[in-house]
């Protein structure tokens, strides 16, 4: 059997913590930031935990 390859698109969007949880960035935080309030932009900086229903599928794509 050949080795499993990491899905590069997923690798760029999702990261695993030391305990194995998957994190991703929030949407709407990369452009058109002048119209968004400072409070909203500050909340967009925080990463979110991936939903448990998606985590198994994403782990497979990451090769974990």
Protein backbone atom coordinates (compact mmCIF):
# COMPACT_ATOMS: atom_id res chain seq x y z
CA UNK A 1 0.00 0.00 0.00
CA UNK A 2 1.25 3.51 -0.75
CA UNK A 3 1.59 6.05 2.04
CA UNK A 4 -1.38 8.26 2.86
CA UNK A 5 -0.90 11.82 1.71
CA UNK A 6 -1.86 14.86 3.74
CA UNK A 7 -4.57 16.97 2.11
CA UNK A 8 -2.70 20.25 1.64
CA UNK A 9 -5.83 22.44 1.55
CA UNK A 10 -6.91 21.09 4.92
CA UNK A 11 -3.41 21.45 6.32
CA UNK A 12 -3.46 25.17 5.51
CA UNK A 13 -6.84 25.72 7.20
CA UNK A 14 -6.84 23.43 10.25
CA UNK A 15 -4.24 22.83 12.94
CA UNK A 16 -4.07 20.31 15.75
CA UNK A 17 -3.26 21.28 19.32
CA UNK A 18 -0.92 19.29 21.56
CA UNK A 19 -3.91 17.52 23.09
CA UNK A 20 -5.28 16.58 19.66
CA UNK A 21 -8.11 19.11 19.28
CA UNK A 22 -8.55 20.68 15.86
CA UNK A 23 -8.69 24.47 15.50
CA UNK A 24 -9.60 26.68 12.55
CA UNK A 25 -9.80 30.43 11.98
CA UNK A 26 -13.12 32.24 11.88
CA UNK A 27 -14.46 33.49 8.56
CA UNK A 28 -14.77 37.16 7.47
CA UNK A 29 -11.46 38.22 9.01
CA UNK A 30 -9.16 38.63 6.03
CA UNK A 31 -10.33 41.67 4.06
CA UNK A 32 -12.83 44.58 4.10
CA UNK A 33 -11.84 45.20 7.70
CA UNK A 34 -12.39 48.99 7.71
CA UNK A 35 -16.16 48.64 8.03
CA UNK A 36 -15.95 46.15 10.90
CA UNK A 37 -15.81 47.38 14.47
CA UNK A 38 -12.69 46.91 16.59
CA UNK A 39 -14.63 44.63 18.92
CA UNK A 40 -15.70 42.41 16.02
CA UNK A 41 -12.18 42.28 14.56
CA UNK A 42 -10.75 41.33 17.96
CA UNK A 43 -13.19 38.40 18.19
CA UNK A 44 -12.23 37.29 14.67
CA UNK A 45 -8.62 36.80 15.79
CA UNK A 46 -9.56 33.90 18.07
CA UNK A 47 -9.46 30.38 16.66
CA UNK A 48 -12.47 28.07 16.95
CA UNK A 49 -12.60 24.40 17.82
CA UNK A 50 -13.75 22.22 14.91
CA UNK A 51 -17.18 20.66 15.38
CA UNK A 52 -17.00 17.07 16.62
CA UNK A 53 -19.05 15.87 13.62
CA UNK A 54 -16.31 17.12 11.25
CA UNK A 55 -13.25 16.27 13.31
CA UNK A 56 -12.95 12.59 12.35
CA UNK A 57 -13.15 13.40 8.63
CA UNK A 58 -10.57 16.20 8.98
CA UNK A 59 -8.22 13.97 10.98
CA UNK A 60 -8.23 11.53 8.08
CA UNK A 61 -7.39 14.31 5.63
CA UNK A 62 -4.55 15.43 7.90
CA UNK A 63 -3.22 11.88 8.14
CA UNK A 64 -3.67 11.60 11.93
